[in-house]
């Protein structure tokens, strides 16, 4: 079985070099981001931006299946780490609904806004406000928007229960298409990552928020996780696009959340430990 690359002096030094180039790449993009208008063009530019970032990080993206060409399109996906914000734009020219906390991050929050990320306050006391934000965005979005209904990242051993609040939007937007997406992490050669190695090396999560599976021995910051992946030499993100399910207009939001969770969770667990080698 494949194991994470050893964290020796050579790999760490190489990661330091890549991390410096990573930030140089980001800084070189800033003048363009200052003048680029927020919208479809900036979302398309995000794909190019993320491809350059992925190159230095060592992250590969592979897609199976076809995304719906209907708009507005809301994609729901499981969430393991910060790298989903890199892989989905690369794969689909898409943007996101993100946590309101990210908006206040120095530089990162500003870049995210330029790339069309819509920030949502997930606190229960702000549920109606969050719903209105999502509703307004999905009325006219002409590019895919991604939502991570788990509300947080996981250790990759399972898919957390989907939060149902935001699925009220289907009631007053009959043209809205919701498509489930499943995302798995692999070693770069396609080998399965064990639950323990996923938790300790590839996931980015809070131990206290996990419902099952192994916990990580060391919790890292977002950029600490990016650097750690550089030390490991990167990994592969397998994205599986699932068919658009039938969701009745008058279906209760909790039923919608449960149905989508079942679809995503069942497929994720089916693929999680499935061996796959590059041809």
C-alpha atoms as a PDB file:
ATOM      1  CA  UNK A   1       0.000   0.000   0.000  1.00  0.00           C
ATOM      2  CA  UNK A   2       1.220   3.491  -0.843  1.00  0.00           C
ATOM      3  CA  UNK A   3       2.348   5.574   2.123  1.00  0.00           C
ATOM      4  CA  UNK A   4       2.727   9.366   2.448  1.00  0.00           C
ATOM      5  CA  UNK A   5       6.103  10.617   1.243  1.00  0.00           C
ATOM      6  CA  UNK A   6       8.671  10.891   4.024  1.00  0.00           C
ATOM      7  CA  UNK A   7       9.062  14.310   5.603  1.00  0.00           C
ATOM      8  CA  UNK A   8      12.857  14.500   5.345  1.00  0.00           C
ATOM      9  CA  UNK A   9      15.195  17.457   4.927  1.00  0.00           C
ATOM     10  CA  UNK A  10      15.154  17.283   1.118  1.00  0.00           C
ATOM     11  CA  UNK A  11      11.347  17.169   0.787  1.00  0.00           C
ATOM     12  CA  UNK A  12      10.896  19.924   3.352  1.00  0.00           C
ATOM     13  CA  UNK A  13      13.464  22.154   1.610  1.00  0.00           C
ATOM     14  CA  UNK A  14      11.772  21.554  -1.733  1.00  0.00           C
ATOM     15  CA  UNK A  15       8.428  22.436  -0.168  1.00  0.00           C
ATOM     16  CA  UNK A  16       9.873  25.701   1.165  1.00  0.00           C
ATOM     17  CA  UNK A  17      11.008  26.576  -2.361  1.00  0.00           C
ATOM     18  CA  UNK A  18       7.578  25.727  -3.782  1.00  0.00           C
ATOM     19  CA  UNK A  19       5.825  27.679  -1.031  1.00  0.00           C
ATOM     20  CA  UNK A  20       7.842  30.787  -1.918  1.00  0.00           C
ATOM     21  CA  UNK A  21       6.974  30.357  -5.605  1.00  0.00           C
ATOM     22  CA  UNK A  22       3.349  29.819  -4.593  1.00  0.00           C
ATOM     23  CA  UNK A  23       3.238  33.258  -2.965  1.00  0.00           C
ATOM     24  CA  UNK A  24       5.140  34.894  -5.822  1.00  0.00           C
ATOM     25  CA  UNK A  25       2.519  33.482  -8.180  1.00  0.00           C
ATOM     26  CA  UNK A  26      -0.280  34.916  -6.037  1.00  0.00           C
ATOM     27  CA  UNK A  27       1.384  38.334  -5.897  1.00  0.00           C
ATOM     28  CA  UNK A  28       1.901  38.393  -9.681  1.00  0.00           C
ATOM     29  CA  UNK A  29      -1.832  37.928 -10.154  1.00  0.00           C
ATOM     30  CA  UNK A  30      -2.790  40.815  -7.853  1.00  0.00           C
ATOM     31  CA  UNK A  31      -2.506  43.648 -10.440  1.00  0.00           C
ATOM     32  CA  UNK A  32      -4.895  41.755 -12.723  1.00  0.00           C
ATOM     33  CA  UNK A  33      -7.290  41.053  -9.868  1.00  0.00           C
ATOM     34  CA  UNK A  34      -7.361  44.764  -9.014  1.00  0.00           C
ATOM     35  CA  UNK A  35      -8.906  45.640 -12.379  1.00  0.00           C
ATOM     36  CA  UNK A  36     -10.874  42.524 -13.280  1.00  0.00           C
ATOM     37  CA  UNK A  37     -14.649  42.960 -12.789  1.00  0.00           C
ATOM     38  CA  UNK A  38     -16.469  40.487 -10.566  1.00  0.00           C
ATOM     39  CA  UNK A  39     -18.632  38.177 -12.624  1.00  0.00           C
ATOM     40  CA  UNK A  40     -18.455  35.442 -15.241  1.00  0.00           C
ATOM     41  CA  UNK A  41     -15.080  36.631 -16.563  1.00  0.00           C
ATOM     42  CA  UNK A  42     -13.482  36.737 -13.110  1.00  0.00           C
ATOM     43  CA  UNK A  43     -14.802  33.224 -12.399  1.00  0.00           C
ATOM     44  CA  UNK A  44     -13.198  31.994 -15.622  1.00  0.00           C
ATOM     45  CA  UNK A  45      -9.983  33.726 -14.658  1.00  0.00           C
ATOM     46  CA  UNK A  46     -10.125  31.879 -11.336  1.00  0.00           C
ATOM     47  CA  UNK A  47      -9.604  28.617 -13.251  1.00  0.00           C
ATOM     48  CA  UNK A  48      -6.284  29.883 -14.622  1.00  0.00           C
ATOM     49  CA  UNK A  49      -5.291  31.254 -11.216  1.00  0.00           C
ATOM     50  CA  UNK A  50      -6.067  27.975  -9.459  1.00  0.00           C
ATOM     51  CA  UNK A  51      -4.248  25.940 -12.103  1.00  0.00           C
ATOM     52  CA  UNK A  52      -1.039  27.842 -11.368  1.00  0.00           C
ATOM     53  CA  UNK A  53      -1.562  27.384  -7.625  1.00  0.00           C
ATOM     54  CA  UNK A  54      -2.264  23.659  -8.100  1.00  0.00           C
ATOM     55  CA  UNK A  55       0.949  23.287 -10.087  1.00  0.00           C
ATOM     56  CA  UNK A  56       3.104  24.448  -7.171  1.00  0.00           C
ATOM     57  CA  UNK A  57       1.023  22.513  -4.643  1.00  0.00           C
ATOM     58  CA  UNK A  58       1.239  19.237  -6.579  1.00  0.00           C
ATOM     59  CA  UNK A  59      -2.532  18.743  -6.693  1.00  0.00           C
ATOM     60  CA  UNK A  60      -3.998  16.961  -9.714  1.00  0.00           C
ATOM     61  CA  UNK A  61      -7.693  17.018 -10.648  1.00  0.00           C
ATOM     62  CA  UNK A  62      -9.534  14.259 -12.498  1.00  0.00           C
ATOM     63  CA  UNK A  63     -13.233  14.431 -13.451  1.00  0.00           C
ATOM     64  CA  UNK A  64     -15.641  11.599 -14.244  1.00  0.00           C
ATOM     65  CA  UNK A  65     -19.087  12.429 -15.578  1.00  0.00           C
ATOM     66  CA  UNK A  66     -20.663  15.500 -17.141  1.00  0.00           C
ATOM     67  CA  UNK A  67     -21.949  18.603 -15.432  1.00  0.00           C
ATOM     68  CA  UNK A  68     -25.432  19.774 -16.400  1.00  0.00           C
ATOM     69  CA  UNK A  69     -25.541  22.667 -18.890  1.00  0.00           C
ATOM     70  CA  UNK A  70     -28.682  24.073 -17.267  1.00  0.00           C
ATOM     71  CA  UNK A  71     -28.511  27.375 -15.392  1.00  0.00           C
ATOM     72  CA  UNK A  72     -28.877  28.355 -12.645  1.00  0.00           C
ATOM     73  CA  UNK A  73     -26.997  25.306 -11.366  1.00  0.00           C
ATOM     74  CA  UNK A  74     -26.267  24.573  -7.704  1.00  0.00           C
ATOM     75  CA  UNK A  75     -23.763  21.770  -7.120  1.00  0.00           C
ATOM     76  CA  UNK A  76     -23.662  20.084  -3.713  1.00  0.00           C
ATOM     77  CA  UNK A  77     -20.500  18.263  -2.718  1.00  0.00           C
ATOM     78  CA  UNK A  78     -18.787  16.671   0.267  1.00  0.00           C
ATOM     79  CA  UNK A  79     -15.973  18.652   1.870  1.00  0.00           C
ATOM     80  CA  UNK A  80     -12.612  17.390   3.210  1.00  0.00           C
ATOM     81  CA  UNK A  81     -10.115  20.222   2.938  1.00  0.00           C
ATOM     82  CA  UNK A  82      -9.239  23.660   1.565  1.00  0.00           C
ATOM     83  CA  UNK A  83      -8.356  22.115  -1.785  1.00  0.00           C
ATOM     84  CA  UNK A  84     -11.981  21.942  -2.928  1.00  0.00           C
ATOM     85  CA  UNK A  85     -11.716  25.687  -3.480  1.00  0.00           C
ATOM     86  CA  UNK A  86      -8.909  24.930  -5.923  1.00  0.00           C
ATOM     87  CA  UNK A  87     -10.262  21.866  -7.698  1.00  0.00           C
ATOM     88  CA  UNK A  88     -13.849  22.917  -8.474  1.00  0.00           C
ATOM     89  CA  UNK A  89     -12.882  26.072 -10.435  1.00  0.00           C
ATOM     90  CA  UNK A  90     -10.306  24.031 -12.359  1.00  0.00           C
ATOM     91  CA  UNK A  91     -12.844  21.335 -13.198  1.00  0.00           C
ATOM     92  CA  UNK A  92     -15.984  23.400 -13.807  1.00  0.00           C
ATOM     93  CA  UNK A  93     -15.288  27.160 -14.027  1.00  0.00           C
ATOM     94  CA  UNK A  94     -17.362  27.414 -10.859  1.00  0.00           C
ATOM     95  CA  UNK A  95     -17.568  29.623  -7.782  1.00  0.00           C
ATOM     96  CA  UNK A  96     -18.776  28.962  -4.229  1.00  0.00           C
ATOM     97  CA  UNK A  97     -20.824  29.775  -1.228  1.00  0.00           C
ATOM     98  CA  UNK A  98     -18.302  30.080   1.595  1.00  0.00           C
ATOM     99  CA  UNK A  99     -18.266  30.715   5.326  1.00  0.00           C
ATOM    100  CA  UNK A 100     -18.564  34.365   6.335  1.00  0.00           C
ATOM    101  CA  UNK A 101     -15.351  34.028   8.372  1.00  0.00           C
ATOM    102  CA  UNK A 102     -13.266  33.761   5.186  1.00  0.00           C
ATOM    103  CA  UNK A 103     -14.350  37.238   4.097  1.00  0.00           C
ATOM    104  CA  UNK A 104     -12.289  38.765   6.902  1.00  0.00           C
ATOM    105  CA  UNK A 105      -9.084  36.837   6.122  1.00  0.00           C
ATOM    106  CA  UNK A 106      -6.320  39.229   4.990  1.00  0.00           C
ATOM    107  CA  UNK A 107      -5.841  39.044   1.192  1.00  0.00           C
ATOM    108  CA  UNK A 108      -7.606  35.667   0.946  1.00  0.00           C
ATOM    109  CA  UNK A 109     -11.028  37.189   1.608  1.00  0.00           C
ATOM    110  CA  UNK A 110     -10.454  39.937  -0.964  1.00  0.00           C
ATOM    111  CA  UNK A 111      -9.278  37.471  -3.630  1.00  0.00           C
ATOM    112  CA  UNK A 112     -12.275  35.231  -2.929  1.00  0.00           C
ATOM    113  CA  UNK A 113     -14.673  38.139  -3.432  1.00  0.00           C
ATOM    114  CA  UNK A 114     -13.016  38.998  -6.742  1.00  0.00           C
ATOM    115  CA  UNK A 115     -13.591  35.405  -7.822  1.00  0.00           C
ATOM    116  CA  UNK A 116     -17.319  35.592  -7.154  1.00  0.00           C
ATOM    117  CA  UNK A 117     -17.367  33.719  -3.842  1.00  0.00           C
ATOM    118  CA  UNK A 118     -20.563  34.519  -1.928  1.00  0.00           C
ATOM    119  CA  UNK A 119     -20.137  34.511   1.833  1.00  0.00           C
ATOM    120  CA  UNK A 120     -22.888  33.083   4.008  1.00  0.00           C
ATOM    121  CA  UNK A 121     -23.322  33.304   7.785  1.00  0.00           C
ATOM    122  CA  UNK A 122     -24.173  29.724   8.805  1.00  0.00           C
ATOM    123  CA  UNK A 123     -25.111  30.548  12.397  1.00  0.00           C
ATOM    124  CA  UNK A 124     -28.691  29.456  13.189  1.00  0.00           C
ATOM    125  CA  UNK A 125     -29.607  33.015  14.223  1.00  0.00           C
ATOM    126  CA  UNK A 126     -28.736  34.192  10.681  1.00  0.00           C
ATOM    127  CA  UNK A 127     -30.507  31.378   8.810  1.00  0.00           C
ATOM    128  CA  UNK A 128     -33.039  33.628   7.047  1.00  0.00           C
ATOM    129  CA  UNK A 129     -30.357  36.108   6.018  1.00  0.00           C
ATOM    130  CA  UNK A 130     -28.190  33.281   4.654  1.00  0.00           C
ATOM    131  CA  UNK A 131     -31.137  31.851   2.728  1.00  0.00           C
ATOM    132  CA  UNK A 132     -31.815  35.235   1.108  1.00  0.00           C
ATOM    133  CA  UNK A 133     -28.174  35.579   0.089  1.00  0.00           C
ATOM    134  CA  UNK A 134     -28.215  32.173  -1.618  1.00  0.00           C
ATOM    135  CA  UNK A 135     -31.634  32.813  -3.172  1.00  0.00           C
ATOM    136  CA  UNK A 136     -30.531  36.126  -4.688  1.00  0.00           C
ATOM    137  CA  UNK A 137     -27.327  34.665  -6.140  1.00  0.00           C
ATOM    138  CA  UNK A 138     -29.013  31.623  -7.666  1.00  0.00           C
ATOM    139  CA  UNK A 139     -31.692  33.613  -9.455  1.00  0.00           C
ATOM    140  CA  UNK A 140     -29.270  34.870 -12.107  1.00  0.00           C
ATOM    141  CA  UNK A 141     -26.038  32.881 -11.765  1.00  0.00           C
ATOM    142  CA  UNK A 142     -24.794  31.958 -15.256  1.00  0.00           C
ATOM    143  CA  UNK A 143     -21.982  29.740 -13.956  1.00  0.00           C
ATOM    144  CA  UNK A 144     -22.115  26.783 -11.527  1.00  0.00           C
ATOM    145  CA  UNK A 145     -22.178  27.619  -7.824  1.00  0.00           C
ATOM    146  CA  UNK A 146     -20.915  25.080  -5.287  1.00  0.00           C
ATOM    147  CA  UNK A 147     -22.374  24.526  -1.842  1.00  0.00           C
ATOM    148  CA  UNK A 148     -20.859  22.266   0.822  1.00  0.00           C
ATOM    149  CA  UNK A 149     -23.945  21.321   2.892  1.00  0.00           C
ATOM    150  CA  UNK A 150     -21.949  19.565   5.620  1.00  0.00           C
ATOM    151  CA  UNK A 151     -21.103  23.047   6.870  1.00  0.00           C
ATOM    152  CA  UNK A 152     -17.522  22.055   7.707  1.00  0.00           C
ATOM    153  CA  UNK A 153     -14.686  19.816   6.547  1.00  0.00           C
ATOM    154  CA  UNK A 154     -14.354  16.187   7.642  1.00  0.00           C
ATOM    155  CA  UNK A 155     -11.606  13.636   8.153  1.00  0.00           C
ATOM    156  CA  UNK A 156     -12.609  11.851   4.941  1.00  0.00           C
ATOM    157  CA  UNK A 157     -13.914   8.736   6.691  1.00  0.00           C
ATOM    158  CA  UNK A 158     -17.571   9.641   6.072  1.00  0.00           C
ATOM    159  CA  UNK A 159     -19.910  12.384   4.850  1.00  0.00           C
ATOM    160  CA  UNK A 160     -21.523  14.477   7.571  1.00  0.00           C
ATOM    161  CA  UNK A 161     -25.265  15.034   7.612  1.00  0.00           C
ATOM    162  CA  UNK A 162     -26.281  17.862   5.263  1.00  0.00           C
ATOM    163  CA  UNK A 163     -27.677  21.042   6.806  1.00  0.00           C
ATOM    164  CA  UNK A 164     -31.115  21.647   5.344  1.00  0.00           C
ATOM    165  CA  UNK A 165     -31.678  25.382   5.871  1.00  0.00           C
ATOM    166  CA  UNK A 166     -30.467  26.628   2.491  1.00  0.00           C
ATOM    167  CA  UNK A 167     -32.459  24.118   0.459  1.00  0.00           C
ATOM    168  CA  UNK A 168     -35.576  26.269   0.829  1.00  0.00           C
ATOM    169  CA  UNK A 169     -34.406  28.049  -2.334  1.00  0.00           C
ATOM    170  CA  UNK A 170     -35.865  25.330  -4.552  1.00  0.00           C
ATOM    171  CA  UNK A 171     -39.377  26.350  -3.535  1.00  0.00           C
ATOM    172  CA  UNK A 172     -39.318  29.753  -5.260  1.00  0.00           C
ATOM    173  CA  UNK A 173     -36.871  29.015  -8.072  1.00  0.00           C
ATOM    174  CA  UNK A 174     -38.411  26.330 -10.308  1.00  0.00           C
ATOM    175  CA  UNK A 175     -35.644  26.771 -12.901  1.00  0.00           C
ATOM    176  CA  UNK A 176     -32.942  25.866 -10.387  1.00  0.00           C
ATOM    177  CA  UNK A 177     -31.078  22.623 -11.049  1.00  0.00           C
ATOM    178  CA  UNK A 178     -29.328  20.879  -8.155  1.00  0.00           C
ATOM    179  CA  UNK A 179     -26.619  18.376  -9.036  1.00  0.00           C
ATOM    180  CA  UNK A 180     -24.717  16.165  -6.560  1.00  0.00           C
ATOM    181  CA  UNK A 181     -20.932  15.853  -6.846  1.00  0.00           C
ATOM    182  CA  UNK A 182     -18.677  13.376  -5.032  1.00  0.00           C
ATOM    183  CA  UNK A 183     -15.057  14.218  -4.320  1.00  0.00           C
ATOM    184  CA  UNK A 184     -12.427  11.644  -3.260  1.00  0.00           C
ATOM    185  CA  UNK A 185      -8.765  12.104  -2.394  1.00  0.00           C
ATOM    186  CA  UNK A 186      -6.153   9.685  -3.781  1.00  0.00           C
ATOM    187  CA  UNK A 187      -2.413   9.447  -3.977  1.00  0.00           C
ATOM    188  CA  UNK A 188      -1.133  10.912  -7.238  1.00  0.00           C
ATOM    189  CA  UNK A 189      -0.882   7.437  -8.802  1.00  0.00           C
ATOM    190  CA  UNK A 190      -4.526   6.696  -7.982  1.00  0.00           C
ATOM    191  CA  UNK A 191      -3.913   4.532  -4.910  1.00  0.00           C
ATOM    192  CA  UNK A 192      -6.355   4.639  -2.002  1.00  0.00           C
ATOM    193  CA  UNK A 193      -5.441   6.767   1.020  1.00  0.00           C
ATOM    194  CA  UNK A 194      -6.199   5.001   4.298  1.00  0.00           C
ATOM    195  CA  UNK A 195      -8.502   6.688   6.824  1.00  0.00           C
ATOM    196  CA  UNK A 196      -5.605   7.175   9.251  1.00  0.00           C
ATOM    197  CA  UNK A 197      -3.322   8.747   6.632  1.00  0.00           C
ATOM    198  CA  UNK A 198      -6.203  10.881   5.366  1.00  0.00           C
ATOM    199  CA  UNK A 199      -6.821  12.237   8.852  1.00  0.00           C
ATOM    200  CA  UNK A 200      -3.170  12.825   9.673  1.00  0.00           C
ATOM    201  CA  UNK A 201      -1.958  14.212   6.364  1.00  0.00           C
ATOM    202  CA  UNK A 202      -4.593  15.117   3.768  1.00  0.00           C
ATOM    203  CA  UNK A 203      -7.668  16.319   5.642  1.00  0.00           C
ATOM    204  CA  UNK A 204      -8.058  19.793   7.086  1.00  0.00           C
ATOM    205  CA  UNK A 205     -10.548  19.715   9.925  1.00  0.00           C
ATOM    206  CA  UNK A 206     -11.348  20.332  13.562  1.00  0.00           C
ATOM    207  CA  UNK A 207     -11.153  17.166  15.668  1.00  0.00           C
ATOM    208  CA  UNK A 208     -13.984  18.380  17.880  1.00  0.00           C
ATOM    209  CA  UNK A 209     -16.409  18.505  14.925  1.00  0.00           C
ATOM    210  CA  UNK A 210     -15.950  14.890  13.792  1.00  0.00           C
ATOM    211  CA  UNK A 211     -18.709  12.338  14.314  1.00  0.00           C
ATOM    212  CA  UNK A 212     -16.701   9.209  13.511  1.00  0.00           C
ATOM    213  CA  UNK A 213     -13.429   7.909  12.138  1.00  0.00           C
ATOM    214  CA  UNK A 214      -9.813   8.674  13.126  1.00  0.00           C
ATOM    215  CA  UNK A 215      -8.715  12.059  14.422  1.00  0.00           C
ATOM    216  CA  UNK A 216      -5.590  13.881  13.301  1.00  0.00           C
ATOM    217  CA  UNK A 217      -2.517  13.897  15.511  1.00  0.00           C
ATOM    218  CA  UNK A 218      -1.806  17.513  14.611  1.00  0.00           C
ATOM    219  CA  UNK A 219      -4.277  20.176  13.482  1.00  0.00           C
ATOM    220  CA  UNK A 220      -2.857  22.690  11.002  1.00  0.00           C
ATOM    221  CA  UNK A 221      -3.827  26.116   9.716  1.00  0.00           C
ATOM    222  CA  UNK A 222      -5.051  26.402   6.112  1.00  0.00           C
ATOM    223  CA  UNK A 223      -1.659  27.536   4.810  1.00  0.00           C
ATOM    224  CA  UNK A 224       0.056  25.044   7.103  1.00  0.00           C
ATOM    225  CA  UNK A 225      -1.966  22.340   5.361  1.00  0.00           C
ATOM    226  CA  UNK A 226      -0.979  23.643   1.923  1.00  0.00           C
ATOM    227  CA  UNK A 227       2.695  23.550   2.926  1.00  0.00           C
ATOM    228  CA  UNK A 228       2.306  20.035   4.346  1.00  0.00           C
ATOM    229  CA  UNK A 229       0.840  18.808   1.054  1.00  0.00           C
ATOM    230  CA  UNK A 230       3.825  20.330  -0.754  1.00  0.00           C
ATOM    231  CA  UNK A 231       6.122  18.321   1.538  1.00  0.00           C
ATOM    232  CA  UNK A 232       4.152  15.162   0.688  1.00  0.00           C
ATOM    233  CA  UNK A 233       4.415  15.858  -3.043  1.00  0.00           C
ATOM    234  CA  UNK A 234       0.743  16.556  -3.692  1.00  0.00           C
ATOM    235  CA  UNK A 235      -2.190  14.224  -4.327  1.00  0.00           C
ATOM    236  CA  UNK A 236      -5.056  13.507  -6.724  1.00  0.00           C
ATOM    237  CA  UNK A 237      -8.602  14.816  -6.356  1.00  0.00           C
ATOM    238  CA  UNK A 238     -11.094  12.490  -8.033  1.00  0.00           C
ATOM    239  CA  UNK A 239     -14.356  14.272  -8.847  1.00  0.00           C
ATOM    240  CA  UNK A 240     -17.392  12.190  -9.788  1.00  0.00           C
ATOM    241  CA  UNK A 241     -20.369  14.027 -11.289  1.00  0.00           C
ATOM    242  CA  UNK A 242     -23.659  12.299 -10.496  1.00  0.00           C
ATOM    243  CA  UNK A 243     -26.965  12.555 -12.401  1.00  0.00           C
ATOM    244  CA  UNK A 244     -29.404  15.303 -11.497  1.00  0.00           C
ATOM    245  CA  UNK A 245     -31.976  13.757  -9.107  1.00  0.00           C
ATOM    246  CA  UNK A 246     -35.696  14.438  -9.185  1.00  0.00           C
ATOM    247  CA  UNK A 247     -36.557  16.891  -6.424  1.00  0.00           C
ATOM    248  CA  UNK A 248     -40.214  17.831  -6.217  1.00  0.00           C
ATOM    249  CA  UNK A 249     -40.978  21.550  -6.031  1.00  0.00           C
ATOM    250  CA  UNK A 250     -43.048  21.084  -2.882  1.00  0.00           C
ATOM    251  CA  UNK A 251     -40.654  18.628  -1.236  1.00  0.00           C
ATOM    252  CA  UNK A 252     -39.687  19.609   2.295  1.00  0.00           C
ATOM    253  CA  UNK A 253     -36.164  21.050   2.572  1.00  0.00           C
ATOM    254  CA  UNK A 254     -35.219  18.412   5.136  1.00  0.00           C
ATOM    255  CA  UNK A 255     -36.262  15.663   2.734  1.00  0.00           C
ATOM    256  CA  UNK A 256     -34.185  17.295  -0.009  1.00  0.00           C
ATOM    257  CA  UNK A 257     -31.148  17.501   2.283  1.00  0.00           C
ATOM    258  CA  UNK A 258     -31.580  13.868   3.348  1.00  0.00           C
ATOM    259  CA  UNK A 259     -31.985  12.655  -0.229  1.00  0.00           C
ATOM    260  CA  UNK A 260     -28.927  14.548  -1.467  1.00  0.00           C
ATOM    261  CA  UNK A 261     -26.901  13.370   1.518  1.00  0.00           C
ATOM    262  CA  UNK A 262     -27.843   9.755   0.829  1.00  0.00           C
ATOM    263  CA  UNK A 263     -26.824  10.093  -2.834  1.00  0.00           C
ATOM    264  CA  UNK A 264     -23.475  11.750  -2.082  1.00  0.00           C
ATOM    265  CA  UNK A 265     -22.653   9.640   0.989  1.00  0.00           C
ATOM    266  CA  UNK A 266     -23.477   6.300  -0.629  1.00  0.00           C
ATOM    267  CA  UNK A 267     -21.363   7.067  -3.691  1.00  0.00           C
ATOM    268  CA  UNK A 268     -18.503   8.450  -1.605  1.00  0.00           C
ATOM    269  CA  UNK A 269     -18.366   5.348   0.587  1.00  0.00           C
ATOM    270  CA  UNK A 270     -18.548   3.141  -2.524  1.00  0.00           C
ATOM    271  CA  UNK A 271     -15.552   4.890  -4.118  1.00  0.00           C
ATOM    272  CA  UNK A 272     -13.517   5.741  -1.020  1.00  0.00           C
ATOM    273  CA  UNK A 273     -11.682   2.418  -0.763  1.00  0.00           C
ATOM    274  CA  UNK A 274     -11.955   1.389  -4.395  1.00  0.00           C
ATOM    275  CA  UNK A 275      -8.553   0.721  -5.912  1.00  0.00           C
ATOM    276  CA  UNK A 276      -7.884   2.581  -9.122  1.00  0.00           C
ATOM    277  CA  UNK A 277      -4.645   2.855 -11.040  1.00  0.00           C
ATOM    278  CA  UNK A 278      -3.760   5.300 -13.779  1.00  0.00           C
ATOM    279  CA  UNK A 279      -3.606   3.620 -17.184  1.00  0.00           C
END
